[in-house]
Amino acid sequence: MPSTSSTSLAPGPLVLAGLIAVAALSRLLPHPPNFSPVEAVALFGGAYFGRRSLALVVPLLAMLLSDFALGLINGGIYADYFLSAGFVTVYLCIALSTVLGFALRGRVSAWRVGGYSLVGSLLFYLVTNFGTWIGSPMYPQDATGLAAAYTAGIPFFQNTVAGTLVYSALLFGSFALLRQRLPALRPQTA
């Protein structure tokens, strides 16, 4: 039986990164607008990666990978996104939600994950719609324009909440099941 040394690669970070990558790439499947894993992968990474640097980098890279894939599939339609304020605000939200996920470390429960998913969804709504208002000539740069940007985002907000709750349940639930079956995953990982 091979021995494991302290220099061998621990399975935990690989499993976490794999779950995050699969969730992020699920954006390639048909889905309603804003029904995505964006906030869920951030919360999940923040909750389980032992190293905060990995917790921040892995969700951001997974989402970037899925954005590049969407860009290849959708061509010019998606290319403008990479140069928009929306791109910056979405990635800011991923980073902020990862930090939010740090508060779940060692305290994961269905209620907490649900609550943090709602907070993450609200954060995403507030930040991205503010970014839309700032970065779009479509809205006047006054209180009326800001209110219009937030109002226009309301139909997408319900899908953000639903997507975050569903993907959080899938990610956190899958990892809990894996931890029950694979002892190497039980301690907090890298």
Protein backbone atom coordinates (compact mmCIF):
# COMPACT_ATOMS: atom_id res chain seq x y z
CA MET A 1 0.00 0.00 0.00
CA PRO A 2 1.56 3.33 -1.02
CA SER A 3 2.20 5.79 1.74
CA THR A 4 1.15 9.38 1.51
CA SER A 5 3.69 12.02 2.29
CA SER A 6 3.18 15.61 3.25
CA THR A 7 4.25 16.58 -0.28
CA SER A 8 1.58 14.51 -2.03
CA LEU A 9 -1.43 16.31 -3.45
CA ALA A 10 -4.39 16.12 -1.09
CA PRO A 11 -7.62 14.94 -2.71
CA GLY A 12 -9.79 17.57 -1.00
CA PRO A 13 -8.77 20.61 -3.04
CA LEU A 14 -9.04 18.62 -6.26
CA VAL A 15 -12.55 17.46 -5.41
CA LEU A 16 -13.59 20.98 -4.43
CA ALA A 17 -12.13 22.44 -7.63
CA GLY A 18 -13.76 19.70 -9.69
CA LEU A 19 -17.20 20.36 -8.20
CA ILE A 20 -16.78 24.09 -8.78
CA ALA A 21 -15.61 23.57 -12.37
CA VAL A 22 -18.56 21.29 -13.19
CA ALA A 23 -20.99 23.77 -11.68
CA ALA A 24 -19.41 26.68 -13.58
CA LEU A 25 -19.46 24.75 -16.87
CA SER A 26 -23.14 23.97 -16.36
CA ARG A 27 -23.67 27.53 -17.60
CA LEU A 28 -23.13 26.08 -21.09
CA LEU A 29 -26.43 24.20 -20.78
CA PRO A 30 -29.69 25.98 -21.66
CA HIS A 31 -31.06 27.84 -18.64
CA PRO A 32 -33.28 30.81 -17.80
CA PRO A 33 -31.50 34.19 -17.61
CA ASN A 34 -29.50 34.56 -14.36
CA PHE A 35 -30.25 31.00 -13.23
CA SER A 36 -26.60 30.23 -12.69
CA PRO A 37 -24.04 28.87 -10.21
CA VAL A 38 -22.15 32.17 -9.91
CA GLU A 39 -22.88 32.92 -6.26
CA ALA A 40 -23.07 29.27 -5.20
CA VAL A 41 -19.54 28.42 -6.39
CA ALA A 42 -18.20 31.45 -4.53
CA LEU A 43 -19.94 30.57 -1.26
CA PHE A 44 -18.90 26.93 -1.60
CA GLY A 45 -15.26 27.80 -2.28
CA GLY A 46 -15.21 30.22 0.64
CA ALA A 47 -16.73 27.66 2.97
CA TYR A 48 -14.48 24.72 2.17
CA PHE A 49 -11.07 25.67 0.82
CA GLY A 50 -8.70 25.84 3.77
CA ARG A 51 -6.46 28.33 2.00
CA ARG A 52 -8.22 31.62 1.40
CA SER A 53 -6.17 32.22 -1.73
CA LEU A 54 -7.54 29.01 -3.29
CA ALA A 55 -11.02 29.91 -2.09
CA LEU A 56 -10.82 33.14 -4.07
CA VAL A 57 -8.89 31.97 -7.14
CA VAL A 58 -10.66 28.69 -7.94
CA PRO A 59 -14.21 30.11 -8.30
CA LEU A 60 -12.90 33.10 -10.27
CA LEU A 61 -10.93 30.85 -12.65
CA ALA A 62 -13.82 28.42 -13.05
CA MET A 63 -16.19 31.24 -13.94
CA LEU A 64 -13.61 32.74 -16.31
CA LEU A 65 -13.25 29.35 -18.00
CA SER A 66 -17.01 29.12 -18.44
CA ASP A 67 -17.13 32.72 -19.71
CA PHE A 68 -14.46 31.91 -22.32
CA ALA A 69 -16.42 28.81 -23.35
CA LEU A 70 -19.59 30.91 -23.65
CA GLY A 71 -17.63 33.45 -25.67
CA LEU A 72 -16.48 30.74 -28.09
CA ILE A 73 -19.99 29.36 -28.43
CA ASN A 74 -21.73 32.73 -28.76
CA GLY A 75 -18.99 34.59 -30.61
CA GLY A 76 -19.32 38.34 -31.03
CA ILE A 77 -22.52 38.47 -28.99
CA TYR A 78 -20.56 37.54 -25.87
CA ALA A 79 -17.25 39.23 -26.75
CA ASP A 80 -18.52 42.67 -25.71
CA TYR A 81 -19.22 41.30 -22.23
CA PHE A 82 -15.48 40.99 -21.51
CA LEU A 83 -15.07 44.75 -22.02
CA SER A 84 -18.13 45.79 -20.03
CA ALA A 85 -18.71 47.05 -16.51
CA GLY A 86 -20.93 43.99 -16.09
CA PHE A 87 -17.90 41.70 -16.33
CA VAL A 88 -16.12 43.63 -13.57
CA THR A 89 -19.15 43.72 -11.28
CA VAL A 90 -19.89 40.00 -11.70
CA TYR A 91 -16.31 39.09 -10.79
CA LEU A 92 -16.38 41.53 -7.89
CA CYS A 93 -19.50 39.75 -6.65
CA ILE A 94 -17.77 36.37 -6.94
CA ALA A 95 -14.90 37.63 -4.79
CA LEU A 96 -17.24 39.25 -2.26
CA SER A 97 -19.41 36.13 -2.01
CA THR A 98 -16.30 34.00 -1.50
CA VAL A 99 -15.42 36.20 1.45
CA LEU A 100 -19.02 35.82 2.63
CA GLY A 101 -18.53 32.05 2.40
CA PHE A 102 -15.62 32.28 4.87
CA ALA A 103 -18.24 32.78 7.58
CA LEU A 104 -19.64 29.32 6.76
CA ARG A 105 -16.36 27.57 7.58
CA GLY A 106 -17.03 24.85 10.11
CA ARG A 107 -20.64 26.06 10.42
CA VAL A 108 -22.29 24.63 7.30
CA SER A 109 -25.94 23.74 7.75
CA ALA A 110 -28.91 23.79 5.38
CA TRP A 111 -30.31 26.91 7.05
CA ARG A 112 -27.02 28.79 6.98
CA VAL A 113 -26.31 27.86 3.37
CA GLY A 114 -29.84 28.95 2.43
CA GLY A 115 -29.46 32.24 4.29
CA TYR A 116 -26.04 32.98 2.83
CA SER A 117 -27.37 32.09 -0.62
CA LEU A 118 -30.08 34.72 -0.21
CA VAL A 119 -27.57 37.30 1.03
CA GLY A 120 -25.23 36.47 -1.87
CA SER A 121 -28.09 36.79 -4.36
CA LEU A 122 -29.08 40.17 -2.92
CA LEU A 123 -25.46 41.31 -3.05
CA PHE A 124 -25.26 40.22 -6.70
CA TYR A 125 -28.49 42.10 -7.52
CA LEU A 126 -27.36 45.30 -5.80
CA VAL A 127 -23.81 45.36 -7.18
CA THR A 128 -24.50 44.27 -10.75
CA ASN A 129 -27.47 46.57 -11.24
CA PHE A 130 -25.48 49.47 -9.80
CA GLY A 131 -22.74 48.60 -12.30
CA THR A 132 -25.30 48.49 -15.10
CA TRP A 133 -26.52 51.95 -14.12
CA ILE A 134 -22.96 53.36 -13.97
CA GLY A 135 -21.81 51.71 -17.19
CA SER A 136 -24.82 52.18 -19.44
CA PRO A 137 -25.89 55.21 -21.43
CA MET A 138 -29.37 53.69 -21.29
CA TYR A 139 -29.95 55.06 -17.76
CA PRO A 140 -29.69 58.72 -16.71
CA GLN A 141 -26.96 59.19 -14.11
CA ASP A 142 -29.33 60.32 -11.38
CA ALA A 143 -31.62 58.75 -8.77
CA THR A 144 -34.32 58.12 -11.39
CA GLY A 145 -31.86 56.24 -13.59
CA LEU A 146 -30.58 54.20 -10.65
CA ALA A 147 -34.15 53.31 -9.66
CA ALA A 148 -34.87 52.32 -13.28
CA ALA A 149 -31.79 50.06 -13.35
CA TYR A 150 -32.83 48.32 -10.14
CA THR A 151 -36.43 48.00 -11.35
CA ALA A 152 -35.26 46.46 -14.65
CA GLY A 153 -33.24 43.92 -12.66
CA ILE A 154 -36.16 42.64 -10.58
CA PRO A 155 -37.28 39.93 -13.07
CA PHE A 156 -33.71 38.57 -13.13
CA PHE A 157 -33.40 38.65 -9.34
CA GLN A 158 -35.86 35.79 -8.82
CA ASN A 159 -33.79 33.59 -11.15
CA THR A 160 -30.59 34.61 -9.35
CA VAL A 161 -32.13 33.53 -6.04
CA ALA A 162 -33.45 30.27 -7.48
CA GLY A 163 -30.18 29.45 -9.23
CA THR A 164 -28.09 30.23 -6.17
CA LEU A 165 -30.31 28.11 -3.92
CA VAL A 166 -30.36 25.15 -6.34
CA TYR A 167 -26.65 25.21 -7.06
CA SER A 168 -25.80 25.72 -3.38
CA ALA A 169 -27.92 22.70 -2.48
CA LEU A 170 -26.19 20.65 -5.20
CA LEU A 171 -22.64 21.73 -4.30
CA PHE A 172 -22.92 21.62 -0.52
CA GLY A 173 -25.10 18.50 -0.58
CA SER A 174 -22.82 16.63 -2.99
CA PHE A 175 -19.76 17.46 -0.95
CA ALA A 176 -21.48 16.36 2.27
CA LEU A 177 -22.31 13.01 0.65
CA LEU A 178 -18.76 12.64 -0.66
CA ARG A 179 -17.37 13.39 2.80
CA GLN A 180 -19.52 10.63 4.30
CA ARG A 181 -18.20 8.10 1.79
CA LEU A 182 -14.57 9.23 1.47
CA PRO A 183 -12.71 9.64 4.76
CA ALA A 184 -9.90 11.60 3.08
CA LEU A 185 -12.35 14.46 2.52
CA ARG A 186 -13.56 14.74 6.11
CA PRO A 187 -11.02 17.23 7.46
CA GLN A 188 -11.10 20.75 6.11
CA THR A 189 -9.05 20.76 2.94
CA ALA A 190 -6.24 22.90 1.55
